[in-house]
Amino acid sequence: MVTKRRQQWGQERRAEQFKGSALAHPESAEQRYRASIESMIGTMLADFEKGLAGLYEANPLAAQDESVTTQARRILSGLGRKWSRVFSECAGPLANRMIDQVDRFSKKNLSASLREMSGGLTIKTPQMPAVLYDKILASTAENVALIKSVPAQYLEKIQGIVMRSIQSGGQGTREVFEEIGHLGQVTKNRAKLIATDQTRKITAAMNDARMKSAGVKRFEWIHSGGSAEPRELHVEYDGQIFDLDDPPVIDRRTGQKGLPGVLIHCKCRMRPVLDFTQYLDDES
């Protein structure tokens, strides 16, 4: 009779999964990172526009002329060097500050989730597992490269706008600066994409490393919802349980595997899942 009861209890435990609260993304860290990059971009855009304003005021049509072309190239080249230096100097501190904020958020958020999962018990989450340290180094390098690439890409595109206006026989100042204004908005949008994409990727990597170190092997996929064009695959995954060591395919086109929040524009989250069946005795 006792054995039968223990078998029933074991079967109930096997069917039971312990889940923590859904892990969040550090919105405040994302917003601060985005604001810092946008601030630099805004100052850079104003500097470029000021430098070009003098050229177009002196040459309203900026018609094809060797002296005008030389002036434009000199102005753009000087501004390009200046802002490449500024972004290079700021990239490291900006990336480090963002990663530090995400790290503190991730540890606190995961600790709260594991505490809820365990019914109030504190499950230790390591400060910095070795594998996480390596991921942070890689993430820092990636973010520094992304920030440093902003002025170079902007310079290449604004050179195209200015040189086309000269080679085509001249455009009015208004038309040229409308193009430049549009380019500026595209550049600011890129800052938003960098901030959102990178903070979510880094958060996922930190949660992954710390969950494994705390003994959590599985997670539940939680689809974000609310998107105008949700990824069908991610909708299918909503509520499903996956292994951290063998995450699901997140992009059917490429076959890429990964965690919620890793793909660009992915707002999906994950919930830690702990399964104690491995500790139960298989008794007959």
C-alpha atoms as a PDB file:
ATOM      1  CA  MET A   1       0.000   0.000   0.000  1.00  0.00           C
ATOM      2  CA  VAL A   2       2.816   2.394   0.908  1.00  0.00           C
ATOM      3  CA  THR A   3       4.667   1.546  -2.294  1.00  0.00           C
ATOM      4  CA  LYS A   4       1.533   2.230  -4.345  1.00  0.00           C
ATOM      5  CA  ARG A   5       1.104   5.628  -2.703  1.00  0.00           C
ATOM      6  CA  ARG A   6       4.722   6.503  -3.361  1.00  0.00           C
ATOM      7  CA  GLN A   7       4.292   5.524  -7.004  1.00  0.00           C
ATOM      8  CA  GLN A   8       1.223   7.759  -7.275  1.00  0.00           C
ATOM      9  CA  TRP A   9       3.107  10.605  -5.609  1.00  0.00           C
ATOM     10  CA  GLY A  10       6.010  10.110  -7.988  1.00  0.00           C
ATOM     11  CA  GLN A  11       3.719  10.200 -11.005  1.00  0.00           C
ATOM     12  CA  GLU A  12       2.169  13.445  -9.776  1.00  0.00           C
ATOM     13  CA  ARG A  13       5.608  14.963  -9.291  1.00  0.00           C
ATOM     14  CA  ARG A  14       6.654  13.862 -12.756  1.00  0.00           C
ATOM     15  CA  ALA A  15       3.702  15.721 -14.213  1.00  0.00           C
ATOM     16  CA  GLU A  16       4.488  18.840 -12.198  1.00  0.00           C
ATOM     17  CA  GLN A  17       6.876  21.544 -13.352  1.00  0.00           C
ATOM     18  CA  PHE A  18       8.081  24.419 -11.247  1.00  0.00           C
ATOM     19  CA  LYS A  19       8.140  27.733 -13.093  1.00  0.00           C
ATOM     20  CA  GLY A  20       9.476  31.123 -12.207  1.00  0.00           C
ATOM     21  CA  SER A  21       8.081  34.440 -13.365  1.00  0.00           C
ATOM     22  CA  ALA A  22       8.758  35.520 -16.950  1.00  0.00           C
ATOM     23  CA  LEU A  23      12.127  37.233 -17.333  1.00  0.00           C
ATOM     24  CA  ALA A  24      11.941  40.832 -18.515  1.00  0.00           C
ATOM     25  CA  HIS A  25      14.114  42.973 -20.739  1.00  0.00           C
ATOM     26  CA  PRO A  26      15.916  45.931 -19.119  1.00  0.00           C
ATOM     27  CA  GLU A  27      13.931  48.741 -20.727  1.00  0.00           C
ATOM     28  CA  SER A  28      15.603  51.479 -18.682  1.00  0.00           C
ATOM     29  CA  ALA A  29      19.083  50.309 -19.717  1.00  0.00           C
ATOM     30  CA  GLU A  30      17.925  50.107 -23.334  1.00  0.00           C
ATOM     31  CA  GLN A  31      16.485  53.624 -23.220  1.00  0.00           C
ATOM     32  CA  ARG A  32      19.609  55.116 -21.639  1.00  0.00           C
ATOM     33  CA  TYR A  33      21.839  53.382 -24.185  1.00  0.00           C
ATOM     34  CA  ARG A  34      19.658  54.579 -27.036  1.00  0.00           C
ATOM     35  CA  ALA A  35      19.541  58.149 -25.664  1.00  0.00           C
ATOM     36  CA  SER A  36      23.334  58.282 -25.378  1.00  0.00           C
ATOM     37  CA  ILE A  37      23.870  57.123 -28.968  1.00  0.00           C
ATOM     38  CA  GLU A  38      21.106  59.391 -30.299  1.00  0.00           C
ATOM     39  CA  SER A  39      22.614  62.368 -28.483  1.00  0.00           C
ATOM     40  CA  MET A  40      25.960  61.833 -30.212  1.00  0.00           C
ATOM     41  CA  ILE A  41      24.229  61.305 -33.542  1.00  0.00           C
ATOM     42  CA  GLY A  42      22.159  64.459 -33.121  1.00  0.00           C
ATOM     43  CA  THR A  43      25.250  66.557 -32.449  1.00  0.00           C
ATOM     44  CA  MET A  44      27.018  64.969 -35.424  1.00  0.00           C
ATOM     45  CA  LEU A  45      24.083  65.638 -37.771  1.00  0.00           C
ATOM     46  CA  ALA A  46      23.951  69.289 -36.718  1.00  0.00           C
ATOM     47  CA  ASP A  47      27.682  69.630 -37.321  1.00  0.00           C
ATOM     48  CA  PHE A  48      27.456  68.156 -40.821  1.00  0.00           C
ATOM     49  CA  GLU A  49      24.486  70.338 -41.718  1.00  0.00           C
ATOM     50  CA  LYS A  50      26.244  73.438 -40.449  1.00  0.00           C
ATOM     51  CA  GLY A  51      29.346  72.616 -42.474  1.00  0.00           C
ATOM     52  CA  LEU A  52      27.345  72.037 -45.657  1.00  0.00           C
ATOM     53  CA  ALA A  53      25.110  75.057 -45.111  1.00  0.00           C
ATOM     54  CA  GLY A  54      27.995  77.393 -45.859  1.00  0.00           C
ATOM     55  CA  LEU A  55      28.794  75.548 -49.075  1.00  0.00           C
ATOM     56  CA  TYR A  56      25.229  75.730 -50.367  1.00  0.00           C
ATOM     57  CA  GLU A  57      24.739  79.338 -49.294  1.00  0.00           C
ATOM     58  CA  ALA A  58      27.747  80.331 -51.387  1.00  0.00           C
ATOM     59  CA  ASN A  59      26.666  78.041 -54.229  1.00  0.00           C
ATOM     60  CA  PRO A  60      22.825  77.840 -54.137  1.00  0.00           C
ATOM     61  CA  LEU A  61      22.626  75.314 -56.976  1.00  0.00           C
ATOM     62  CA  ALA A  62      25.963  73.656 -56.222  1.00  0.00           C
ATOM     63  CA  ALA A  63      26.368  73.163 -59.978  1.00  0.00           C
ATOM     64  CA  GLN A  64      29.105  70.898 -61.273  1.00  0.00           C
ATOM     65  CA  ASP A  65      32.298  72.773 -60.677  1.00  0.00           C
ATOM     66  CA  GLU A  66      35.759  71.620 -59.672  1.00  0.00           C
ATOM     67  CA  SER A  67      36.082  74.166 -56.872  1.00  0.00           C
ATOM     68  CA  VAL A  68      32.678  73.275 -55.423  1.00  0.00           C
ATOM     69  CA  THR A  69      33.474  69.553 -55.587  1.00  0.00           C
ATOM     70  CA  THR A  70      36.807  70.130 -53.856  1.00  0.00           C
ATOM     71  CA  GLN A  71      35.184  72.227 -51.134  1.00  0.00           C
ATOM     72  CA  ALA A  72      32.497  69.609 -50.533  1.00  0.00           C
ATOM     73  CA  ARG A  73      35.021  66.790 -50.288  1.00  0.00           C
ATOM     74  CA  ARG A  74      37.206  68.791 -47.914  1.00  0.00           C
ATOM     75  CA  ILE A  75      34.274  69.661 -45.635  1.00  0.00           C
ATOM     76  CA  LEU A  76      32.930  66.119 -45.549  1.00  0.00           C
ATOM     77  CA  SER A  77      36.334  64.542 -45.099  1.00  0.00           C
ATOM     78  CA  GLY A  78      37.168  66.805 -42.162  1.00  0.00           C
ATOM     79  CA  LEU A  79      33.841  66.161 -40.477  1.00  0.00           C
ATOM     80  CA  GLY A  80      34.169  62.438 -41.118  1.00  0.00           C
ATOM     81  CA  ARG A  81      37.558  62.292 -39.378  1.00  0.00           C
ATOM     82  CA  LYS A  82      36.312  64.387 -36.477  1.00  0.00           C
ATOM     83  CA  TRP A  83      33.239  62.272 -35.758  1.00  0.00           C
ATOM     84  CA  SER A  84      34.980  58.987 -36.346  1.00  0.00           C
ATOM     85  CA  ARG A  85      37.369  60.005 -33.572  1.00  0.00           C
ATOM     86  CA  VAL A  86      34.534  61.114 -31.263  1.00  0.00           C
ATOM     87  CA  PHE A  87      32.557  57.885 -31.699  1.00  0.00           C
ATOM     88  CA  SER A  88      35.697  55.759 -31.310  1.00  0.00           C
ATOM     89  CA  GLU A  89      36.528  57.460 -28.008  1.00  0.00           C
ATOM     90  CA  CYS A  90      32.988  57.123 -26.646  1.00  0.00           C
ATOM     91  CA  ALA A  91      32.166  53.615 -27.911  1.00  0.00           C
ATOM     92  CA  GLY A  92      33.994  51.681 -25.184  1.00  0.00           C
ATOM     93  CA  PRO A  93      32.619  53.606 -22.175  1.00  0.00           C
ATOM     94  CA  LEU A  94      29.080  53.587 -23.634  1.00  0.00           C
ATOM     95  CA  ALA A  95      29.126  49.824 -24.263  1.00  0.00           C
ATOM     96  CA  ASN A  96      30.621  49.065 -20.848  1.00  0.00           C
ATOM     97  CA  ARG A  97      28.053  51.203 -19.043  1.00  0.00           C
ATOM     98  CA  MET A  98      25.151  49.571 -20.887  1.00  0.00           C
ATOM     99  CA  ILE A  99      26.442  46.042 -20.265  1.00  0.00           C
ATOM    100  CA  ASP A 100      26.974  46.793 -16.566  1.00  0.00           C
ATOM    101  CA  GLN A 101      23.363  48.044 -16.261  1.00  0.00           C
ATOM    102  CA  VAL A 102      22.017  44.981 -18.094  1.00  0.00           C
ATOM    103  CA  ASP A 103      24.132  42.691 -15.906  1.00  0.00           C
ATOM    104  CA  ARG A 104      22.769  44.142 -12.666  1.00  0.00           C
ATOM    105  CA  PHE A 105      19.205  44.024 -13.976  1.00  0.00           C
ATOM    106  CA  SER A 106      19.559  40.454 -15.213  1.00  0.00           C
ATOM    107  CA  LYS A 107      20.918  39.146 -11.916  1.00  0.00           C
ATOM    108  CA  LYS A 108      18.199  40.859  -9.850  1.00  0.00           C
ATOM    109  CA  ASN A 109      15.388  39.869 -12.240  1.00  0.00           C
ATOM    110  CA  LEU A 110      16.497  36.225 -12.447  1.00  0.00           C
ATOM    111  CA  SER A 111      16.944  35.973  -8.668  1.00  0.00           C
ATOM    112  CA  ALA A 112      13.367  37.168  -8.168  1.00  0.00           C
ATOM    113  CA  SER A 113      12.082  34.674 -10.734  1.00  0.00           C
ATOM    114  CA  LEU A 114      13.923  31.744  -9.138  1.00  0.00           C
ATOM    115  CA  ARG A 115      12.729  32.794  -5.688  1.00  0.00           C
ATOM    116  CA  GLU A 116       9.128  32.698  -6.924  1.00  0.00           C
ATOM    117  CA  MET A 117       9.715  29.312  -8.534  1.00  0.00           C
ATOM    118  CA  SER A 118      11.104  27.838  -5.317  1.00  0.00           C
ATOM    119  CA  GLY A 119       8.314  29.186  -3.137  1.00  0.00           C
ATOM    120  CA  GLY A 120      10.415  31.830  -1.426  1.00  0.00           C
ATOM    121  CA  LEU A 121      13.728  29.996  -1.135  1.00  0.00           C
ATOM    122  CA  THR A 122      16.801  31.870  -2.330  1.00  0.00           C
ATOM    123  CA  ILE A 123      18.589  30.107  -5.180  1.00  0.00           C
ATOM    124  CA  LYS A 124      22.049  31.545  -5.566  1.00  0.00           C
ATOM    125  CA  THR A 125      22.738  33.132  -8.955  1.00  0.00           C
ATOM    126  CA  PRO A 126      26.479  33.474  -9.628  1.00  0.00           C
ATOM    127  CA  GLN A 127      27.869  36.973 -10.059  1.00  0.00           C
ATOM    128  CA  MET A 128      29.970  36.083 -13.088  1.00  0.00           C
ATOM    129  CA  PRO A 129      30.212  32.482 -14.348  1.00  0.00           C
ATOM    130  CA  ALA A 130      33.301  31.957 -16.520  1.00  0.00           C
ATOM    131  CA  VAL A 131      31.231  31.364 -19.650  1.00  0.00           C
ATOM    132  CA  LEU A 132      29.350  34.618 -19.012  1.00  0.00           C
ATOM    133  CA  TYR A 133      32.605  36.571 -18.757  1.00  0.00           C
ATOM    134  CA  ASP A 134      33.568  35.389 -22.246  1.00  0.00           C
ATOM    135  CA  LYS A 135      30.142  36.342 -23.608  1.00  0.00           C
ATOM    136  CA  ILE A 136      30.417  39.814 -22.094  1.00  0.00           C
ATOM    137  CA  LEU A 137      33.808  40.353 -23.721  1.00  0.00           C
ATOM    138  CA  ALA A 138      32.345  39.353 -27.089  1.00  0.00           C
ATOM    139  CA  SER A 139      29.278  41.562 -26.581  1.00  0.00           C
ATOM    140  CA  THR A 140      31.434  44.544 -25.642  1.00  0.00           C
ATOM    141  CA  ALA A 141      33.508  44.149 -28.791  1.00  0.00           C
ATOM    142  CA  GLU A 142      30.367  43.860 -30.944  1.00  0.00           C
ATOM    143  CA  ASN A 143      28.800  46.977 -29.445  1.00  0.00           C
ATOM    144  CA  VAL A 144      31.979  49.020 -29.789  1.00  0.00           C
ATOM    145  CA  ALA A 145      32.151  48.043 -33.474  1.00  0.00           C
ATOM    146  CA  LEU A 146      28.485  48.942 -34.041  1.00  0.00           C
ATOM    147  CA  ILE A 147      28.854  52.381 -32.437  1.00  0.00           C
ATOM    148  CA  LYS A 148      32.081  53.129 -34.305  1.00  0.00           C
ATOM    149  CA  SER A 149      30.423  52.208 -37.607  1.00  0.00           C
ATOM    150  CA  VAL A 150      27.733  54.918 -37.313  1.00  0.00           C
ATOM    151  CA  PRO A 151      29.744  57.960 -38.566  1.00  0.00           C
ATOM    152  CA  ALA A 152      31.416  55.953 -41.344  1.00  0.00           C
ATOM    153  CA  GLN A 153      28.073  54.797 -42.746  1.00  0.00           C
ATOM    154  CA  TYR A 154      26.583  58.276 -42.416  1.00  0.00           C
ATOM    155  CA  LEU A 155      29.575  59.857 -44.176  1.00  0.00           C
ATOM    156  CA  GLU A 156      29.353  57.412 -47.067  1.00  0.00           C
ATOM    157  CA  LYS A 157      25.665  58.177 -47.630  1.00  0.00           C
ATOM    158  CA  ILE A 158      25.855  61.936 -47.205  1.00  0.00           C
ATOM    159  CA  GLN A 159      28.783  62.040 -49.638  1.00  0.00           C
ATOM    160  CA  GLY A 160      26.541  60.308 -52.153  1.00  0.00           C
ATOM    161  CA  ILE A 161      23.784  62.902 -51.675  1.00  0.00           C
ATOM    162  CA  VAL A 162      26.120  65.878 -52.047  1.00  0.00           C
ATOM    163  CA  MET A 163      28.113  64.520 -54.977  1.00  0.00           C
ATOM    164  CA  ARG A 164      24.969  63.522 -56.874  1.00  0.00           C
ATOM    165  CA  SER A 165      23.598  67.012 -56.426  1.00  0.00           C
ATOM    166  CA  ILE A 166      26.780  68.476 -57.918  1.00  0.00           C
ATOM    167  CA  GLN A 167      27.243  65.958 -60.741  1.00  0.00           C
ATOM    168  CA  SER A 168      23.621  66.224 -61.846  1.00  0.00           C
ATOM    169  CA  GLY A 169      24.029  69.902 -62.565  1.00  0.00           C
ATOM    170  CA  GLY A 170      22.835  71.164 -59.238  1.00  0.00           C
ATOM    171  CA  GLN A 171      19.877  70.824 -56.913  1.00  0.00           C
ATOM    172  CA  GLY A 172      18.330  73.559 -54.857  1.00  0.00           C
ATOM    173  CA  THR A 173      19.388  73.855 -51.246  1.00  0.00           C
ATOM    174  CA  ARG A 174      15.942  72.826 -50.009  1.00  0.00           C
ATOM    175  CA  GLU A 175      15.924  69.557 -51.981  1.00  0.00           C
ATOM    176  CA  VAL A 176      19.409  68.609 -50.838  1.00  0.00           C
ATOM    177  CA  PHE A 177      18.717  69.284 -47.178  1.00  0.00           C
ATOM    178  CA  GLU A 178      15.463  67.353 -47.352  1.00  0.00           C
ATOM    179  CA  GLU A 179      17.507  64.329 -48.408  1.00  0.00           C
ATOM    180  CA  ILE A 180      20.022  65.007 -45.667  1.00  0.00           C
ATOM    181  CA  GLY A 181      17.205  65.300 -43.115  1.00  0.00           C
ATOM    182  CA  HIS A 182      15.797  61.957 -44.200  1.00  0.00           C
ATOM    183  CA  LEU A 183      19.241  60.393 -43.887  1.00  0.00           C
ATOM    184  CA  GLY A 184      19.527  61.824 -40.391  1.00  0.00           C
ATOM    185  CA  GLN A 185      16.273  60.165 -39.351  1.00  0.00           C
ATOM    186  CA  VAL A 186      17.423  56.837 -40.793  1.00  0.00           C
ATOM    187  CA  THR A 187      20.628  57.164 -38.766  1.00  0.00           C
ATOM    188  CA  LYS A 188      18.678  57.877 -35.570  1.00  0.00           C
ATOM    189  CA  ASN A 189      16.473  54.848 -36.249  1.00  0.00           C
ATOM    190  CA  ARG A 190      19.632  52.774 -36.462  1.00  0.00           C
ATOM    191  CA  ALA A 191      20.572  53.925 -32.960  1.00  0.00           C
ATOM    192  CA  LYS A 192      17.220  52.642 -31.696  1.00  0.00           C
ATOM    193  CA  LEU A 193      17.741  49.308 -33.439  1.00  0.00           C
ATOM    194  CA  ILE A 194      21.246  48.908 -32.004  1.00  0.00           C
ATOM    195  CA  ALA A 195      20.073  49.698 -28.468  1.00  0.00           C
ATOM    196  CA  THR A 196      17.035  47.403 -28.582  1.00  0.00           C
ATOM    197  CA  ASP A 197      18.713  44.499 -30.350  1.00  0.00           C
ATOM    198  CA  GLN A 198      21.889  44.504 -28.267  1.00  0.00           C
ATOM    199  CA  THR A 199      20.316  44.887 -24.822  1.00  0.00           C
ATOM    200  CA  ARG A 200      17.957  41.982 -25.530  1.00  0.00           C
ATOM    201  CA  LYS A 201      20.679  39.729 -26.916  1.00  0.00           C
ATOM    202  CA  ILE A 202      22.951  40.429 -23.967  1.00  0.00           C
ATOM    203  CA  THR A 203      20.124  39.910 -21.478  1.00  0.00           C
ATOM    204  CA  ALA A 204      19.327  36.521 -23.041  1.00  0.00           C
ATOM    205  CA  ALA A 205      22.996  35.496 -22.864  1.00  0.00           C
ATOM    206  CA  MET A 206      23.291  36.538 -19.221  1.00  0.00           C
ATOM    207  CA  ASN A 207      20.085  34.753 -18.212  1.00  0.00           C
ATOM    208  CA  ASP A 208      21.192  31.632 -20.068  1.00  0.00           C
ATOM    209  CA  ALA A 209      24.575  31.472 -18.314  1.00  0.00           C
ATOM    210  CA  ARG A 210      23.206  32.199 -14.848  1.00  0.00           C
ATOM    211  CA  MET A 211      20.253  29.817 -15.142  1.00  0.00           C
ATOM    212  CA  LYS A 212      22.584  26.967 -16.071  1.00  0.00           C
ATOM    213  CA  SER A 213      24.930  27.813 -13.198  1.00  0.00           C
ATOM    214  CA  ALA A 214      21.952  27.764 -10.804  1.00  0.00           C
ATOM    215  CA  GLY A 215      20.946  24.310 -12.030  1.00  0.00           C
ATOM    216  CA  VAL A 216      18.048  25.389 -14.234  1.00  0.00           C
ATOM    217  CA  LYS A 217      18.142  23.423 -17.469  1.00  0.00           C
ATOM    218  CA  ARG A 218      14.880  24.338 -19.179  1.00  0.00           C
ATOM    219  CA  PHE A 219      12.737  27.325 -20.058  1.00  0.00           C
ATOM    220  CA  GLU A 220       9.251  28.117 -21.299  1.00  0.00           C
ATOM    221  CA  TRP A 221       8.901  30.256 -24.422  1.00  0.00           C
ATOM    222  CA  ILE A 222       6.551  33.219 -23.964  1.00  0.00           C
ATOM    223  CA  HIS A 223       5.461  34.978 -27.141  1.00  0.00           C
ATOM    224  CA  SER A 224       5.297  38.735 -26.789  1.00  0.00           C
ATOM    225  CA  GLY A 225       2.079  39.339 -28.745  1.00  0.00           C
ATOM    226  CA  GLY A 226       1.030  42.760 -29.957  1.00  0.00           C
ATOM    227  CA  SER A 227       3.268  42.786 -33.035  1.00  0.00           C
ATOM    228  CA  ALA A 228       1.718  43.713 -36.386  1.00  0.00           C
ATOM    229  CA  GLU A 229       3.753  40.982 -38.102  1.00  0.00           C
ATOM    230  CA  PRO A 230       4.570  38.273 -35.526  1.00  0.00           C
ATOM    231  CA  ARG A 231       6.913  35.469 -36.462  1.00  0.00           C
ATOM    232  CA  GLU A 232       4.671  32.437 -36.968  1.00  0.00           C
ATOM    233  CA  LEU A 233       7.312  30.104 -35.563  1.00  0.00           C
ATOM    234  CA  HIS A 234       7.515  32.122 -32.341  1.00  0.00           C
ATOM    235  CA  VAL A 235       3.735  32.104 -32.016  1.00  0.00           C
ATOM    236  CA  GLU A 236       3.847  28.304 -32.286  1.00  0.00           C
ATOM    237  CA  TYR A 237       6.457  28.155 -29.516  1.00  0.00           C
ATOM    238  CA  ASP A 238       4.322  30.076 -27.017  1.00  0.00           C
ATOM    239  CA  GLY A 239       3.972  27.929 -23.879  1.00  0.00           C
ATOM    240  CA  GLN A 240       6.365  25.220 -25.075  1.00  0.00           C
ATOM    241  CA  ILE A 241       9.263  23.998 -22.921  1.00  0.00           C
ATOM    242  CA  PHE A 242      12.805  23.797 -24.316  1.00  0.00           C
ATOM    243  CA  ASP A 243      16.263  22.797 -23.097  1.00  0.00           C
ATOM    244  CA  LEU A 244      18.798  25.593 -22.623  1.00  0.00           C
ATOM    245  CA  ASP A 245      21.505  23.288 -23.999  1.00  0.00           C
ATOM    246  CA  ASP A 246      19.436  22.606 -27.109  1.00  0.00           C
ATOM    247  CA  PRO A 247      17.376  25.721 -27.907  1.00  0.00           C
ATOM    248  CA  PRO A 248      14.858  25.662 -30.760  1.00  0.00           C
ATOM    249  CA  VAL A 249      15.236  26.967 -34.303  1.00  0.00           C
ATOM    250  CA  ILE A 250      14.250  30.633 -34.180  1.00  0.00           C
ATOM    251  CA  ASP A 251      14.567  31.384 -37.899  1.00  0.00           C
ATOM    252  CA  ARG A 252      13.253  28.816 -40.376  1.00  0.00           C
ATOM    253  CA  ARG A 253      15.006  30.526 -43.277  1.00  0.00           C
ATOM    254  CA  THR A 254      18.518  30.222 -41.859  1.00  0.00           C
ATOM    255  CA  GLY A 255      18.030  27.362 -39.404  1.00  0.00           C
ATOM    256  CA  GLN A 256      19.492  29.523 -36.616  1.00  0.00           C
ATOM    257  CA  LYS A 257      18.854  28.261 -33.101  1.00  0.00           C
ATOM    258  CA  GLY A 258      18.555  30.472 -30.066  1.00  0.00           C
ATOM    259  CA  LEU A 259      16.632  31.960 -27.172  1.00  0.00           C
ATOM    260  CA  PRO A 260      13.739  34.423 -27.033  1.00  0.00           C
ATOM    261  CA  GLY A 261      14.875  37.979 -27.745  1.00  0.00           C
ATOM    262  CA  VAL A 262      17.923  37.008 -29.799  1.00  0.00           C
ATOM    263  CA  LEU A 263      16.560  37.833 -33.251  1.00  0.00           C
ATOM    264  CA  ILE A 264      16.166  41.464 -34.296  1.00  0.00           C
ATOM    265  CA  HIS A 265      12.762  42.878 -33.273  1.00  0.00           C
ATOM    266  CA  CYS A 266      11.977  39.757 -31.217  1.00  0.00           C
ATOM    267  CA  LYS A 267      10.197  40.737 -27.992  1.00  0.00           C
ATOM    268  CA  CYS A 268       9.568  37.188 -26.794  1.00  0.00           C
ATOM    269  CA  ARG A 269      10.614  36.258 -23.260  1.00  0.00           C
ATOM    270  CA  MET A 270      11.412  33.105 -21.343  1.00  0.00           C
ATOM    271  CA  ARG A 271      10.383  31.628 -17.998  1.00  0.00           C
ATOM    272  CA  PRO A 272      12.766  29.407 -15.976  1.00  0.00           C
ATOM    273  CA  VAL A 273      11.494  25.850 -15.539  1.00  0.00           C
ATOM    274  CA  LEU A 274      12.820  23.436 -12.914  1.00  0.00           C
ATOM    275  CA  ASP A 275      12.078  19.717 -13.116  1.00  0.00           C
ATOM    276  CA  PHE A 276      12.798  17.595 -10.046  1.00  0.00           C
ATOM    277  CA  THR A 277      11.943  14.234 -11.622  1.00  0.00           C
ATOM    278  CA  GLN A 278      15.626  13.413 -12.002  1.00  0.00           C
ATOM    279  CA  TYR A 279      15.862  13.191  -8.197  1.00  0.00           C
ATOM    280  CA  LEU A 280      12.927  10.812  -7.759  1.00  0.00           C
ATOM    281  CA  ASP A 281      13.476   7.092  -7.216  1.00  0.00           C
ATOM    282  CA  ASP A 282      12.089   4.768  -9.867  1.00  0.00           C
ATOM    283  CA  GLU A 283      10.462   2.204  -7.617  1.00  0.00           C
ATOM    284  CA  SER A 284       8.222  -0.627  -8.679  1.00  0.00           C
END
